[in-house]
Amino acid sequence: MERERFISINGRFLSSHVLKETDFEMAENYIAAIEHNHERCKTPQAGDVVEGAYYDGKFPYSNGIIEKIHEDGSLSICYQPYIPFIWLKKDGFIGMSVSGGPFGNHKTEELVLVEENDEAMFCDWGNCGACKDGAVNFIAPVRRWRIPYEWRSKTYVGVIDEPNERQYPISVKELGGFGNIASFWTMEQLDRFCKTLGISYTLMQERPGYREYSMSHNFRETKGFWKLEDVPAGCTPIKLLSNGSMVDGYFRTTEHEVEIYRPNPNAKAVYKPLSIEEHITFQRENGIY
């Protein structure tokens, strides 16, 4: 590993400590061991990168990591890991301590090789030992695997037949998320919203007083834009809620996502709220999103 790159990925360590030659040698030894295992074993190994999706395809991940191989040959995979600590075991393979999650167990035969020569970042305690900001990072060659899955939206519509007087009967939500993505008074408003965005929904379950639909797309909020030049080409104007007011925003529908672009409330050139009367009328006629 080049020293310049080694230094560049250890800014946090350098904020409190001084890198020494022993830190670089430690990283080089780890990298050599991982490269050796990479050559002698063509099957998934601890430290290899995995991409796939959990919760029945609703939550894709692209940089999961194989934490360990169990005695029965199954793999423990952390889907969204922090940089893992590693050590060398007696057999020459690496052991790992992984934080993050969620975790899942998978059979080796589930994994399909995507890239023979990828990279992953690891760490171990540096010359100062176990202390604040004392971990030294390094990058080593690994393989990238994929667990095939059928993509599914994590966005759904909940419809309450008899809401209370202050409650929207129709709400668009994200599994595991907080609050509503959009809220409507009538199914006609929901249909108009979906037609505008080019998306659809399908009935998933129904019980007395409640229905639930799966949406065809997820929603992704982007960082508030300051000027129109910040909005990507191909976006379509739409009225959106931003900082409590209805303003001119934009959306772009891709294969699986609706990207939402709202103006930053401090960007006066693009943040131009409707009047209170116009806001109330819009909300009554269209719902709010």
C-alpha atoms as a PDB file:
ATOM      1  CA  MET A   1       0.000   0.000   0.000  1.00  0.00           C
ATOM      2  CA  GLU A   2       1.397   3.382  -0.958  1.00  0.00           C
ATOM      3  CA  ARG A   3       2.418   5.532   2.002  1.00  0.00           C
ATOM      4  CA  GLU A   4       0.597   8.579   0.641  1.00  0.00           C
ATOM      5  CA  ARG A   5      -2.664   6.651   0.518  1.00  0.00           C
ATOM      6  CA  PHE A   6      -2.003   5.138   3.923  1.00  0.00           C
ATOM      7  CA  ILE A   7      -1.574   8.606   5.413  1.00  0.00           C
ATOM      8  CA  SER A   8      -4.624  10.001   3.600  1.00  0.00           C
ATOM      9  CA  ILE A   9      -7.027   7.435   5.126  1.00  0.00           C
ATOM     10  CA  ASN A  10      -5.736   7.965   8.674  1.00  0.00           C
ATOM     11  CA  GLY A  11      -6.732  11.569   9.254  1.00  0.00           C
ATOM     12  CA  ARG A  12      -8.613  10.702  12.419  1.00  0.00           C
ATOM     13  CA  PHE A  13      -5.565   8.935  13.917  1.00  0.00           C
ATOM     14  CA  LEU A  14      -3.302  11.832  12.928  1.00  0.00           C
ATOM     15  CA  SER A  15      -5.626  14.326  14.640  1.00  0.00           C
ATOM     16  CA  SER A  16      -4.519  12.914  17.997  1.00  0.00           C
ATOM     17  CA  HIS A  17      -1.409  10.807  17.369  1.00  0.00           C
ATOM     18  CA  VAL A  18       1.656  10.378  15.175  1.00  0.00           C
ATOM     19  CA  LEU A  19       1.961   7.558  12.657  1.00  0.00           C
ATOM     20  CA  LYS A  20       5.129   5.536  13.080  1.00  0.00           C
ATOM     21  CA  GLU A  21       6.939   3.029  10.918  1.00  0.00           C
ATOM     22  CA  THR A  22       5.509   0.215  13.056  1.00  0.00           C
ATOM     23  CA  ASP A  23       1.994   1.275  12.005  1.00  0.00           C
ATOM     24  CA  PHE A  24       2.883   1.061   8.335  1.00  0.00           C
ATOM     25  CA  GLU A  25       4.611  -2.313   8.862  1.00  0.00           C
ATOM     26  CA  MET A  26       1.555  -3.633  10.693  1.00  0.00           C
ATOM     27  CA  ALA A  27      -0.670  -2.625   7.793  1.00  0.00           C
ATOM     28  CA  GLU A  28       1.710  -4.163   5.259  1.00  0.00           C
ATOM     29  CA  ASN A  29       1.768  -7.453   7.169  1.00  0.00           C
ATOM     30  CA  TYR A  30      -2.001  -7.603   7.293  1.00  0.00           C
ATOM     31  CA  ILE A  31      -2.273  -6.797   3.597  1.00  0.00           C
ATOM     32  CA  ALA A  32       0.265  -9.509   2.726  1.00  0.00           C
ATOM     33  CA  ALA A  33      -1.677 -12.094   4.753  1.00  0.00           C
ATOM     34  CA  ILE A  34      -4.979 -11.124   3.131  1.00  0.00           C
ATOM     35  CA  GLU A  35      -3.405 -11.225  -0.339  1.00  0.00           C
ATOM     36  CA  HIS A  36      -1.982 -14.691   0.418  1.00  0.00           C
ATOM     37  CA  ASN A  37      -5.399 -15.976   1.500  1.00  0.00           C
ATOM     38  CA  HIS A  38      -6.945 -14.309  -1.548  1.00  0.00           C
ATOM     39  CA  GLU A  39      -4.640 -16.374  -3.759  1.00  0.00           C
ATOM     40  CA  ARG A  40      -4.922 -19.734  -2.008  1.00  0.00           C
ATOM     41  CA  CYS A  41      -8.703 -19.709  -1.463  1.00  0.00           C
ATOM     42  CA  LYS A  42     -11.194 -18.993  -4.231  1.00  0.00           C
ATOM     43  CA  THR A  43     -14.273 -19.326  -2.024  1.00  0.00           C
ATOM     44  CA  PRO A  44     -15.838 -16.533   0.091  1.00  0.00           C
ATOM     45  CA  GLN A  45     -13.584 -15.559   3.002  1.00  0.00           C
ATOM     46  CA  ALA A  46     -13.829 -13.329   6.054  1.00  0.00           C
ATOM     47  CA  GLY A  47     -13.242  -9.769   4.916  1.00  0.00           C
ATOM     48  CA  ASP A  48     -14.763 -10.216   1.455  1.00  0.00           C
ATOM     49  CA  VAL A  49     -17.343  -7.636   0.377  1.00  0.00           C
ATOM     50  CA  VAL A  50     -20.952  -8.655  -0.268  1.00  0.00           C
ATOM     51  CA  GLU A  51     -23.850  -6.834  -1.926  1.00  0.00           C
ATOM     52  CA  GLY A  52     -27.499  -7.828  -1.750  1.00  0.00           C
ATOM     53  CA  ALA A  53     -30.642  -6.843   0.166  1.00  0.00           C
ATOM     54  CA  TYR A  54     -32.218  -7.736   3.482  1.00  0.00           C
ATOM     55  CA  TYR A  55     -35.803  -7.832   4.722  1.00  0.00           C
ATOM     56  CA  ASP A  56     -37.075  -9.613   1.584  1.00  0.00           C
ATOM     57  CA  GLY A  57     -35.312  -7.275  -0.836  1.00  0.00           C
ATOM     58  CA  LYS A  58     -36.591  -4.038   0.692  1.00  0.00           C
ATOM     59  CA  PHE A  59     -33.215  -2.748   1.929  1.00  0.00           C
ATOM     60  CA  PRO A  60     -30.372  -3.100  -0.603  1.00  0.00           C
ATOM     61  CA  TYR A  61     -26.773  -2.878   0.593  1.00  0.00           C
ATOM     62  CA  SER A  62     -23.592  -2.609  -1.462  1.00  0.00           C
ATOM     63  CA  ASN A  63     -20.735  -2.949   1.004  1.00  0.00           C
ATOM     64  CA  GLY A  64     -21.627  -5.707   3.422  1.00  0.00           C
ATOM     65  CA  ILE A  65     -18.755  -7.788   4.779  1.00  0.00           C
ATOM     66  CA  ILE A  66     -18.267 -11.458   5.660  1.00  0.00           C
ATOM     67  CA  GLU A  67     -17.620 -11.393   9.387  1.00  0.00           C
ATOM     68  CA  LYS A  68     -16.813 -15.053   9.947  1.00  0.00           C
ATOM     69  CA  ILE A  69     -17.195 -18.555   8.586  1.00  0.00           C
ATOM     70  CA  HIS A  70     -18.999 -20.916  10.962  1.00  0.00           C
ATOM     71  CA  GLU A  71     -17.960 -24.532  11.537  1.00  0.00           C
ATOM     72  CA  ASP A  72     -20.797 -25.733   9.292  1.00  0.00           C
ATOM     73  CA  GLY A  73     -19.468 -23.555   6.455  1.00  0.00           C
ATOM     74  CA  SER A  74     -22.200 -20.928   6.641  1.00  0.00           C
ATOM     75  CA  LEU A  75     -21.268 -17.251   6.530  1.00  0.00           C
ATOM     76  CA  SER A  76     -22.050 -14.501   9.001  1.00  0.00           C
ATOM     77  CA  ILE A  77     -22.504 -11.275   7.031  1.00  0.00           C
ATOM     78  CA  CYS A  78     -22.825  -7.739   8.375  1.00  0.00           C
ATOM     79  CA  TYR A  79     -24.910  -5.822   5.854  1.00  0.00           C
ATOM     80  CA  GLN A  80     -23.902  -2.294   6.894  1.00  0.00           C
ATOM     81  CA  PRO A  81     -20.613  -2.451   8.794  1.00  0.00           C
ATOM     82  CA  TYR A  82     -18.348   0.140  10.288  1.00  0.00           C
ATOM     83  CA  ILE A  83     -14.641  -0.314   9.561  1.00  0.00           C
ATOM     84  CA  PRO A  84     -13.892  -3.730  11.128  1.00  0.00           C
ATOM     85  CA  PHE A  85     -11.027  -4.502  13.486  1.00  0.00           C
ATOM     86  CA  ILE A  86      -9.021  -7.546  12.403  1.00  0.00           C
ATOM     87  CA  TRP A  87      -6.308  -9.876  13.721  1.00  0.00           C
ATOM     88  CA  LEU A  88      -4.387 -12.852  12.364  1.00  0.00           C
ATOM     89  CA  LYS A  89      -5.466 -16.290  13.525  1.00  0.00           C
ATOM     90  CA  LYS A  90      -3.144 -19.271  13.979  1.00  0.00           C
ATOM     91  CA  ASP A  91      -4.163 -20.709  10.611  1.00  0.00           C
ATOM     92  CA  GLY A  92      -3.084 -17.510   8.840  1.00  0.00           C
ATOM     93  CA  PHE A  93      -6.620 -16.309   8.089  1.00  0.00           C
ATOM     94  CA  ILE A  94      -8.008 -13.127   9.592  1.00  0.00           C
ATOM     95  CA  GLY A  95     -10.400 -12.840  12.486  1.00  0.00           C
ATOM     96  CA  MET A  96     -12.731  -9.861  12.660  1.00  0.00           C
ATOM     97  CA  SER A  97     -14.667  -7.771  15.137  1.00  0.00           C
ATOM     98  CA  VAL A  98     -17.473  -6.074  13.233  1.00  0.00           C
ATOM     99  CA  SER A  99     -19.876  -3.392  14.450  1.00  0.00           C
ATOM    100  CA  GLY A 100     -22.901  -2.167  12.550  1.00  0.00           C
ATOM    101  CA  GLY A 101     -25.677  -4.360  11.307  1.00  0.00           C
ATOM    102  CA  PRO A 102     -28.026  -5.934  10.697  1.00  0.00           C
ATOM    103  CA  PHE A 103     -26.350  -9.348  10.513  1.00  0.00           C
ATOM    104  CA  GLY A 104     -27.466 -12.500   8.723  1.00  0.00           C
ATOM    105  CA  ASN A 105     -26.300 -16.059   8.104  1.00  0.00           C
ATOM    106  CA  HIS A 106     -26.014 -17.314   4.531  1.00  0.00           C
ATOM    107  CA  LYS A 107     -24.893 -20.444   2.750  1.00  0.00           C
ATOM    108  CA  THR A 108     -21.759 -20.175   0.626  1.00  0.00           C
ATOM    109  CA  GLU A 109     -23.639 -21.348  -2.457  1.00  0.00           C
ATOM    110  CA  GLU A 110     -25.920 -18.288  -2.236  1.00  0.00           C
ATOM    111  CA  LEU A 111     -23.015 -16.005  -3.198  1.00  0.00           C
ATOM    112  CA  VAL A 112     -22.088 -15.223  -6.789  1.00  0.00           C
ATOM    113  CA  LEU A 113     -18.670 -13.747  -7.614  1.00  0.00           C
ATOM    114  CA  VAL A 114     -18.934 -10.199  -8.992  1.00  0.00           C
ATOM    115  CA  GLU A 115     -15.376  -8.857  -8.830  1.00  0.00           C
ATOM    116  CA  GLU A 116     -12.152 -10.786  -8.342  1.00  0.00           C
ATOM    117  CA  ASN A 117     -10.126  -7.763  -7.262  1.00  0.00           C
ATOM    118  CA  ASP A 118     -12.012  -5.301  -5.103  1.00  0.00           C
ATOM    119  CA  GLU A 119     -10.885  -3.437  -1.970  1.00  0.00           C
ATOM    120  CA  ALA A 120     -12.044  -3.112   1.632  1.00  0.00           C
ATOM    121  CA  MET A 121     -10.872  -1.032   4.582  1.00  0.00           C
ATOM    122  CA  PHE A 122      -9.814  -2.627   7.862  1.00  0.00           C
ATOM    123  CA  CYS A 123      -8.194  -1.385  11.059  1.00  0.00           C
ATOM    124  CA  ASP A 124      -6.266  -2.378  14.166  1.00  0.00           C
ATOM    125  CA  TRP A 125      -4.877  -0.478  17.126  1.00  0.00           C
ATOM    126  CA  GLY A 126      -1.795   1.538  16.235  1.00  0.00           C
ATOM    127  CA  ASN A 127       1.361   2.391  18.155  1.00  0.00           C
ATOM    128  CA  CYS A 128      -0.615   4.098  20.946  1.00  0.00           C
ATOM    129  CA  GLY A 129      -2.621   0.982  21.742  1.00  0.00           C
ATOM    130  CA  ALA A 130      -6.342   0.905  22.480  1.00  0.00           C
ATOM    131  CA  CYS A 131      -7.254   4.545  23.035  1.00  0.00           C
ATOM    132  CA  LYS A 132      -9.364   7.341  21.574  1.00  0.00           C
ATOM    133  CA  ASP A 133      -8.740   7.658  17.820  1.00  0.00           C
ATOM    134  CA  GLY A 134      -6.027   5.028  18.179  1.00  0.00           C
ATOM    135  CA  ALA A 135      -7.144   2.730  15.332  1.00  0.00           C
ATOM    136  CA  VAL A 136      -5.025   2.659  12.189  1.00  0.00           C
ATOM    137  CA  ASN A 137      -6.835   2.102   8.877  1.00  0.00           C
ATOM    138  CA  PHE A 138      -5.526   0.288   5.829  1.00  0.00           C
ATOM    139  CA  ILE A 139      -6.949  -1.030   2.561  1.00  0.00           C
ATOM    140  CA  ALA A 140      -6.529  -4.601   1.358  1.00  0.00           C
ATOM    141  CA  PRO A 141      -7.583  -6.561  -1.749  1.00  0.00           C
ATOM    142  CA  VAL A 142     -10.711  -8.697  -1.374  1.00  0.00           C
ATOM    143  CA  ARG A 143     -13.332 -10.277  -3.586  1.00  0.00           C
ATOM    144  CA  ARG A 144     -16.813  -8.851  -4.113  1.00  0.00           C
ATOM    145  CA  TRP A 145     -19.764 -11.244  -4.013  1.00  0.00           C
ATOM    146  CA  ARG A 146     -23.449 -10.784  -4.650  1.00  0.00           C
ATOM    147  CA  ILE A 147     -26.476 -12.481  -3.137  1.00  0.00           C
ATOM    148  CA  PRO A 148     -29.130 -12.298  -5.885  1.00  0.00           C
ATOM    149  CA  TYR A 149     -32.482 -10.953  -4.778  1.00  0.00           C
ATOM    150  CA  GLU A 150     -35.758  -9.683  -6.124  1.00  0.00           C
ATOM    151  CA  TRP A 151     -36.009  -5.955  -5.524  1.00  0.00           C
ATOM    152  CA  ARG A 152     -39.015  -4.848  -3.462  1.00  0.00           C
ATOM    153  CA  SER A 153     -40.130  -1.413  -2.427  1.00  0.00           C
ATOM    154  CA  LYS A 154     -39.979  -0.481   1.258  1.00  0.00           C
ATOM    155  CA  THR A 155     -42.599   2.241   0.729  1.00  0.00           C
ATOM    156  CA  TYR A 156     -46.255   1.537   1.428  1.00  0.00           C
ATOM    157  CA  VAL A 157     -49.635   3.253   1.630  1.00  0.00           C
ATOM    158  CA  GLY A 158     -51.824   2.894   4.698  1.00  0.00           C
ATOM    159  CA  VAL A 159     -55.541   3.660   4.343  1.00  0.00           C
ATOM    160  CA  ILE A 160     -57.732   4.124   7.445  1.00  0.00           C
ATOM    161  CA  ASP A 161     -61.479   3.920   6.820  1.00  0.00           C
ATOM    162  CA  GLU A 162     -62.495   5.968   9.848  1.00  0.00           C
ATOM    163  CA  PRO A 163     -59.706   8.374  10.852  1.00  0.00           C
ATOM    164  CA  ASN A 164     -60.124  10.933  13.589  1.00  0.00           C
ATOM    165  CA  GLU A 165     -60.971  14.487  12.554  1.00  0.00           C
ATOM    166  CA  ARG A 166     -57.322  15.638  12.605  1.00  0.00           C
ATOM    167  CA  GLN A 167     -55.888  12.601  10.852  1.00  0.00           C
ATOM    168  CA  TYR A 168     -55.239  12.082   7.158  1.00  0.00           C
ATOM    169  CA  PRO A 169     -56.949   8.823   6.145  1.00  0.00           C
ATOM    170  CA  ILE A 170     -54.260   8.023   3.548  1.00  0.00           C
ATOM    171  CA  SER A 171     -50.547   8.056   4.365  1.00  0.00           C
ATOM    172  CA  VAL A 172     -47.463   7.104   2.358  1.00  0.00           C
ATOM    173  CA  LYS A 173     -44.769   5.738   4.674  1.00  0.00           C
ATOM    174  CA  GLU A 174     -41.414   3.983   4.557  1.00  0.00           C
ATOM    175  CA  LEU A 175     -40.824   0.733   6.407  1.00  0.00           C
ATOM    176  CA  GLY A 176     -38.764   1.592   9.470  1.00  0.00           C
ATOM    177  CA  GLY A 177     -39.003   5.323   8.788  1.00  0.00           C
ATOM    178  CA  PHE A 178     -40.457   8.162  10.830  1.00  0.00           C
ATOM    179  CA  GLY A 179     -43.376  10.348   9.803  1.00  0.00           C
ATOM    180  CA  ASN A 180     -45.180  10.375   6.474  1.00  0.00           C
ATOM    181  CA  ILE A 181     -43.716  10.831   3.016  1.00  0.00           C
ATOM    182  CA  ALA A 182     -47.089  12.102   1.796  1.00  0.00           C
ATOM    183  CA  SER A 183     -50.647  12.365   3.137  1.00  0.00           C
ATOM    184  CA  PHE A 184     -53.983  12.570   1.321  1.00  0.00           C
ATOM    185  CA  TRP A 185     -57.660  13.098   2.032  1.00  0.00           C
ATOM    186  CA  THR A 186     -58.927  10.932  -0.853  1.00  0.00           C
ATOM    187  CA  MET A 187     -57.788   8.054  -3.061  1.00  0.00           C
ATOM    188  CA  GLU A 188     -58.297  10.384  -6.014  1.00  0.00           C
ATOM    189  CA  GLN A 189     -55.572  12.639  -4.629  1.00  0.00           C
ATOM    190  CA  LEU A 190     -53.259   9.640  -4.173  1.00  0.00           C
ATOM    191  CA  ASP A 191     -53.944   8.493  -7.738  1.00  0.00           C
ATOM    192  CA  ARG A 192     -53.182  11.957  -9.098  1.00  0.00           C
ATOM    193  CA  PHE A 193     -49.957  12.069  -7.101  1.00  0.00           C
ATOM    194  CA  CYS A 194     -48.865   8.648  -8.412  1.00  0.00           C
ATOM    195  CA  LYS A 195     -49.755   9.557 -11.997  1.00  0.00           C
ATOM    196  CA  THR A 196     -47.669  12.723 -11.753  1.00  0.00           C
ATOM    197  CA  LEU A 197     -44.645  10.783 -10.494  1.00  0.00           C
ATOM    198  CA  GLY A 198     -45.155   7.823 -12.827  1.00  0.00           C
ATOM    199  CA  ILE A 199     -45.490   5.238 -10.051  1.00  0.00           C
ATOM    200  CA  SER A 200     -48.158   2.784  -8.905  1.00  0.00           C
ATOM    201  CA  TYR A 201     -49.352   0.806  -5.878  1.00  0.00           C
ATOM    202  CA  THR A 202     -50.703  -2.710  -5.273  1.00  0.00           C
ATOM    203  CA  LEU A 203     -52.993  -4.003  -2.514  1.00  0.00           C
ATOM    204  CA  MET A 204     -51.004  -6.135  -0.070  1.00  0.00           C
ATOM    205  CA  GLN A 205     -53.330  -6.705   2.879  1.00  0.00           C
ATOM    206  CA  GLU A 206     -56.774  -5.769   4.079  1.00  0.00           C
ATOM    207  CA  ARG A 207     -58.495  -6.026   7.430  1.00  0.00           C
ATOM    208  CA  PRO A 208     -61.580  -4.363   8.921  1.00  0.00           C
ATOM    209  CA  GLY A 209     -61.061  -0.598   8.854  1.00  0.00           C
ATOM    210  CA  TYR A 210     -57.628  -0.687   7.225  1.00  0.00           C
ATOM    211  CA  ARG A 211     -55.952  -1.406   3.888  1.00  0.00           C
ATOM    212  CA  GLU A 212     -52.260  -1.462   2.998  1.00  0.00           C
ATOM    213  CA  TYR A 213     -50.683  -1.097  -0.445  1.00  0.00           C
ATOM    214  CA  SER A 214     -47.116  -1.636  -1.603  1.00  0.00           C
ATOM    215  CA  MET A 215     -45.715   1.164  -3.754  1.00  0.00           C
ATOM    216  CA  SER A 216     -43.700   0.472  -6.886  1.00  0.00           C
ATOM    217  CA  HIS A 217     -40.919   2.914  -5.945  1.00  0.00           C
ATOM    218  CA  ASN A 218     -39.000   4.161  -2.939  1.00  0.00           C
ATOM    219  CA  PHE A 219     -38.539   7.858  -2.200  1.00  0.00           C
ATOM    220  CA  ARG A 220     -35.131   9.457  -1.723  1.00  0.00           C
ATOM    221  CA  GLU A 221     -34.752  12.924  -0.269  1.00  0.00           C
ATOM    222  CA  THR A 222     -31.775  14.884  -1.554  1.00  0.00           C
ATOM    223  CA  LYS A 223     -29.898  17.764   0.028  1.00  0.00           C
ATOM    224  CA  GLY A 224     -31.819  21.037  -0.303  1.00  0.00           C
ATOM    225  CA  PHE A 225     -30.724  22.960  -3.395  1.00  0.00           C
ATOM    226  CA  TRP A 226     -29.566  26.597  -3.300  1.00  0.00           C
ATOM    227  CA  LYS A 227     -29.901  27.426  -6.979  1.00  0.00           C
ATOM    228  CA  LEU A 228     -31.588  25.891 -10.004  1.00  0.00           C
ATOM    229  CA  GLU A 229     -28.207  24.815 -11.365  1.00  0.00           C
ATOM    230  CA  ASP A 230     -27.996  22.357  -8.451  1.00  0.00           C
ATOM    231  CA  VAL A 231     -31.024  20.439  -9.767  1.00  0.00           C
ATOM    232  CA  PRO A 232     -29.984  17.612 -12.150  1.00  0.00           C
ATOM    233  CA  ALA A 233     -31.140  17.589 -15.745  1.00  0.00           C
ATOM    234  CA  GLY A 234     -34.274  15.594 -16.404  1.00  0.00           C
ATOM    235  CA  CYS A 235     -36.105  16.694 -13.251  1.00  0.00           C
ATOM    236  CA  THR A 236     -39.751  17.783 -13.344  1.00  0.00           C
ATOM    237  CA  PRO A 237     -41.240  20.709 -11.357  1.00  0.00           C
ATOM    238  CA  ILE A 238     -43.719  19.924  -8.581  1.00  0.00           C
ATOM    239  CA  LYS A 239     -45.150  21.717  -5.566  1.00  0.00           C
ATOM    240  CA  LEU A 240     -43.511  20.339  -2.403  1.00  0.00           C
ATOM    241  CA  LEU A 241     -43.536  21.043   1.307  1.00  0.00           C
ATOM    242  CA  SER A 242     -40.320  22.618   2.609  1.00  0.00           C
ATOM    243  CA  ASN A 243     -39.869  24.062   6.084  1.00  0.00           C
ATOM    244  CA  GLY A 244     -43.635  24.110   6.568  1.00  0.00           C
ATOM    245  CA  SER A 245     -44.500  25.926   3.331  1.00  0.00           C
ATOM    246  CA  MET A 246     -45.501  24.840  -0.171  1.00  0.00           C
ATOM    247  CA  VAL A 247     -42.795  25.807  -2.652  1.00  0.00           C
ATOM    248  CA  ASP A 248     -41.547  24.910  -6.118  1.00  0.00           C
ATOM    249  CA  GLY A 249     -39.500  21.720  -5.989  1.00  0.00           C
ATOM    250  CA  TYR A 250     -38.490  18.982  -8.420  1.00  0.00           C
ATOM    251  CA  PHE A 251     -38.595  15.227  -8.769  1.00  0.00           C
ATOM    252  CA  ARG A 252     -36.981  12.596 -10.970  1.00  0.00           C
ATOM    253  CA  THR A 253     -38.294   9.043 -11.254  1.00  0.00           C
ATOM    254  CA  THR A 254     -35.716   6.306 -11.896  1.00  0.00           C
ATOM    255  CA  GLU A 255     -36.128   2.540 -12.098  1.00  0.00           C
ATOM    256  CA  HIS A 256     -36.711   2.042  -8.377  1.00  0.00           C
ATOM    257  CA  GLU A 257     -36.690   5.517  -6.817  1.00  0.00           C
ATOM    258  CA  VAL A 258     -38.359   8.884  -6.870  1.00  0.00           C
ATOM    259  CA  GLU A 259     -35.684  11.475  -6.146  1.00  0.00           C
ATOM    260  CA  ILE A 260     -37.064  14.537  -4.350  1.00  0.00           C
ATOM    261  CA  TYR A 261     -35.386  17.959  -4.626  1.00  0.00           C
ATOM    262  CA  ARG A 262     -36.587  20.686  -2.247  1.00  0.00           C
ATOM    263  CA  PRO A 263     -35.157  24.217  -2.078  1.00  0.00           C
ATOM    264  CA  ASN A 264     -33.138  25.222   0.954  1.00  0.00           C
ATOM    265  CA  PRO A 265     -35.286  27.600   3.067  1.00  0.00           C
ATOM    266  CA  ASN A 266     -32.368  30.052   3.248  1.00  0.00           C
ATOM    267  CA  ALA A 267     -32.011  30.232  -0.540  1.00  0.00           C
ATOM    268  CA  LYS A 268     -34.321  33.176  -1.178  1.00  0.00           C
ATOM    269  CA  ALA A 269     -33.822  33.047  -4.946  1.00  0.00           C
ATOM    270  CA  VAL A 270     -35.492  29.626  -5.176  1.00  0.00           C
ATOM    271  CA  TYR A 271     -37.449  29.357  -1.922  1.00  0.00           C
ATOM    272  CA  LYS A 272     -40.702  31.150  -2.669  1.00  0.00           C
ATOM    273  CA  PRO A 273     -43.602  29.934  -0.511  1.00  0.00           C
ATOM    274  CA  LEU A 274     -47.241  30.128  -1.495  1.00  0.00           C
ATOM    275  CA  SER A 275     -49.391  32.534   0.480  1.00  0.00           C
ATOM    276  CA  ILE A 276     -51.265  31.086   3.457  1.00  0.00           C
ATOM    277  CA  GLU A 277     -54.514  31.085   1.469  1.00  0.00           C
ATOM    278  CA  GLU A 278     -52.869  29.341  -1.502  1.00  0.00           C
ATOM    279  CA  HIS A 279     -51.185  26.857   0.829  1.00  0.00           C
ATOM    280  CA  ILE A 280     -54.469  25.900   2.502  1.00  0.00           C
ATOM    281  CA  THR A 281     -56.212  25.541  -0.866  1.00  0.00           C
ATOM    282  CA  PHE A 282     -53.424  23.377  -2.271  1.00  0.00           C
ATOM    283  CA  GLN A 283     -53.383  21.137   0.789  1.00  0.00           C
ATOM    284  CA  ARG A 284     -57.179  20.710   0.703  1.00  0.00           C
ATOM    285  CA  GLU A 285     -57.212  19.869  -3.010  1.00  0.00           C
ATOM    286  CA  ASN A 286     -54.042  17.791  -3.305  1.00  0.00           C
ATOM    287  CA  GLY A 287     -52.951  16.551   0.091  1.00  0.00           C
ATOM    288  CA  ILE A 288     -49.467  17.331   1.292  1.00  0.00           C
ATOM    289  CA  TYR A 289     -46.018  15.970   0.385  1.00  0.00           C
END
